[in-house]
Amino acid sequence: MTPVVDQAVLEAIALTREEYDLIVARLGRVPNELELGMFAALWSEHCGYKNSKLLLRLLPTEAPHVLQGPGENAGAIDIGDGLAVVLKMESHNHPSAVEPVQGAATGVGGIIRDIFTMGARPIALLDALRFGPLDDPHCRYLFAGVVHGISFYGNCIGVPTVGGEVRVAPCYRHNPLVNVMAVGIAPRDRLVRARASGVGNRLLLVGADTGRDGIHGCSALASRELASDRADQRPTVQVGNPFLEKLLIEACLEALQSDAVVGMQDLGAAGITSAVVECASKSGTGVWIDVQRVSRRETGMTPYEVMLSESQERMLVVVKRGREAEVQAIFQRWGLHSDVIGEVTDDGLIRVLDGGTVVAEVPAALLTSPPLYRRQGQPPPDLEARVRFDWRTLPPPTDYTAVLRRLLAHPDIASKEPVYRQYDYSVQTNTLIGPGQGDAAVLRLKGTRKALALTAGCNSRYCYLDPYRGAQIAVAEAARNIVCSGGRPLAVTDCLNFGNPEKPSIYYQLEQAVRGLADACRALAIPVVSGNVSLYNETDGQAVYPTPMVGMVGVLEEAAHRRGLAFQRPGDLVVLIGGSGAPTLGASTYLEALHGLVAGAVPALDLAYERRVQEFCLAAIQADLLRSAHDVSDGGLAVALAECCIVGALGAEIDLPPVERPDAWLFGEDQSWIVASLRPEDWPRLQALAERQAVPVAVVGRVGGDRLRIGALIDAPVAELASVWRHALEMAQETYGRRE
C-alpha cells in the first residue's frame, strides 16, 4: 500500500494522487522530499507535456531542409550558403500575470538562451501579446509592465525586437499571454545539441549564482490555474539580468568554437534538475552532481532549493574530461564565474550529492517519462449557437467611412507604434523592414545576398469559434505575410495557449487546433520544427481564447525582393489577388467592434487555392512586377487599403463592384486575398502570369491624391485616417501603467 502523503503537499507541487502512486510504483519505494520535488518539476505540464505530447505527434516535422526538429532547445533549418536558421517560440504567461515586468523580461532571456545554446547567434525577437480591455486599470498595468519588460531585456542585450502582434479581448483580463519568438544564425556544421555524453566528462555550471527565485515556477505556477489573489506567487517569478546574459552569449559562442565542449543546455524551468536530466536522458547516460559545488547568492539553501531554483542567466556546459580549465578560462575572460559541479556516468542514474552524502538517486529515464493523457473533448455547449449566427440579419451601416474609422481605432488593428517604439528594432543593423512597415519583418544576412522574413501571430477569435479552421488560418496567414514580404515560407515554431485541458471543452479546443495546424502545414509544405505548449491559462473558471500562436521563418534569395505594404507612387495600379468571391462578415472584427458579437462562421479556407495564391504572389514579386503587397485580414479589405495608404502617405481611388452587401465586401475577412500595387506598364505581364497559374487578379483602382475613396461609400483624407490609426492605442490606455 502506498504510504500517505498529505494532499496539500501534492497540490502545492501540482501532482495528482494517481501520479504520486505511479511514482512510488515505478521507483519501487517512496521518494524523499528532494526526489519528489524533482518528479513534480519534470512531470509538470510545463516540462512533461502530459496533455499535449500525444497530440503534437500529429504535426509534420520533417523536410529536406530541416536540420533539427522538435526535441531540442530549438529547431534548425538549412538555408544554403553554409548557414542554418535556428528558431523557437515560448510563453511566459503565468509569470507575467503575477509580475509583468520580470515575467516578460525573463521570458525574453529564456528564449534567447534556447537559441545560443544551439550554437547560433541570436539576431531577432518577435513578441505576440494578449491583454484584457485597456479601459481596465489592471489590464493597463499588465500591458505597461510586459512591454517594459520586453523592451528592457531586449534593448539591453542587443537583440532587435522586429515584429509580433498585440490583441485585446476580455478573456485575457486576468491571464495575459506573453509569447516570445527568437531567431538565430549559425554555421550549418556547427550546431550543438543538449547532450551529456562521454563517461567522465565534466558538468560545468556557468553564469549567475543560484538563488531562491523561481522555485516551483514550472510546477506550482505554470501547470495549474491561477488564483485571483497572486501576491503569494511572486516569489515563483524569476529575476533577469540582461547584461549578464549578453556576456553569456559571447562566452558560450566562443567556448563552442573549441572541441572541448560536448554539449550545452540552458537552465530554465526546473533549473539544474531539468538541465542535467534532459542532457543525460537524451544521451542514455547518467550524471552525478554535488550541490555543495554550486555557487549561491543566498545562505542556508537546501539541496531541494539548489536543484529546483530557476535563477536566470545560467548554463550547463558538458566539457571533455581534463579540459575544464581551458573552457573555464574562456568564461573567466568574459568575467563569468563557473563551477565544475559533477560528471557524466554510465549507469543512467541522476545522483545528487550534498558533499559526501547522496540525497537523491533516480533513473533519468523515469524522470523524463511522465504519464501521457489522451482525453475526450467536447465542444463548448454554446458554440453551435454562436457559429450559427447569421450576420445577414443585421442591417448594413449608414456611414461606411465612420465604420472604417472605428475599425482603425480597434486595439487589434490600430498602429502598435506605442509598443514598438520602446523596442530597439534596428540594433545589429540587419533590419530592412521593421515593425509597421510590412506584413513580416525582413532582416539581411550579412555576407550573402539573402534575407530572412519573420512573422508571428494568430486570430484567437477565429480559434474560439472554430479551433480547427482558426488554426489553419493562423498558418495560412503567417505564410501569406512571409510571401507578401518577398520570402518563401520554410518553417514554423508554435506556442499553443489554452485553458485547463482536464475540462472537455478545453481539450476539444486543443485537439482541434493541433489537427488544424497539422493539416495546414502539410498542405502548404511547411514543417513545424519547434514549439511550446502553455496550458491552464484561466482564472476562476474563465479560460483564454484558444490561441495557437504561429511563428514562421521564410527566406528571400535576394534581399532586393523585399516588399512592404505601403503604396509607392501616384499612378500605380491597385490590384486584388485571390479572394473567394463570397465575402462574409462571420467571426469578423466588424461584428465585434460594431455589434459586440463574437459570432458567425469563420471564413472558409481552401488550402490548395491558398498555396496557388501565395506561389503566384511570390513569383510576381520575384519578377519585379509588384511594388507593394499586403494581405487582407482583420477589418477586411477597407482596412487593408487604408493601411497601404497610411503607411505610404498616399491616397487611392478604388472602384466598388456591384455587390449585394457592400459591408461584407469592404469589412469581411475573406481569406487568400492580397492587396498589391504595380506600375501600369507591368499589368499585362502580371495578368499573363495570373492566367498561367490560374489565380484571379483584378485592377480595382489607382494610387494618388491625399484621400482614400472607395466607390461612393468611403471618402476620407488619409491624414485623418492616419491620425485615428496611430493614436488609438494610446487613447485606449491613456492612464498607461496605473495599478489597480
Foldseek 3Di string as FASTA:
>chain_A
DDDDDDPVVCLQLQHDPVQLVVVCVVQVHHFDPLVVLLLSQCQFCFNQVQAPPVLLVLFFFDDPQWPFFADFLWTWGDPDPQKIKTKAKEWLWQLLLQQVQLSLLVNVQSNCCSACLFLFHWAEKEKAKEFEFLVDQARLQSVQRNLNNNQVQCVLLQHFHFYYAYAYHHLCHSTMIIMMMIMTMHRNVLTFGLAADDFPWFKKKKFDAFDQAQFSLRRNGQRAADEPDCPVVNSNREGDDNVRLSLVSVLSSVLSVDPQWRGKDAAAAQGQSVSQLSNCVVHVWEKEFALVQGGHPDPPDDPSSSRRTRHHTMMITTGGPPCVVVSQVSSVVSVMDMTGGIGIGHPQWYWYHHVPRTPDIDRSVVSNDHNHDDDAADADPCLVVQAPDAPVVDDADPAVQVLLLLLLLRSRNFAPCVSSVSTDNCRVNFWPAGPLWALWTWGDDPPAQKIKTKHKFFDLLQLLNPLQVRLLVLVLSQQLRQLQFQFHWAEKEKEKEFAACVHNNGVVSSSSNSNNNRVNCVLLVHGYRYYGYGYNSHYPPSMDRGTTMIMTMTMHNGNVLGATLADADFFWFKKKWFFDVDFDCAQAPSCCSPPVGSGHHDADDDSNLSNLLSVLSSVCSVVVFFRGKHFAAHQGDQSSQLSNCLSHQWEKAFEDDDDPRSSRNRGGGTPSMMITIGHPVSVVVSVVSCVVSVIDMDTGTTIHDQWYHYHPRHIDGSVVSNVSSHCSVCVSNVVRSRHD
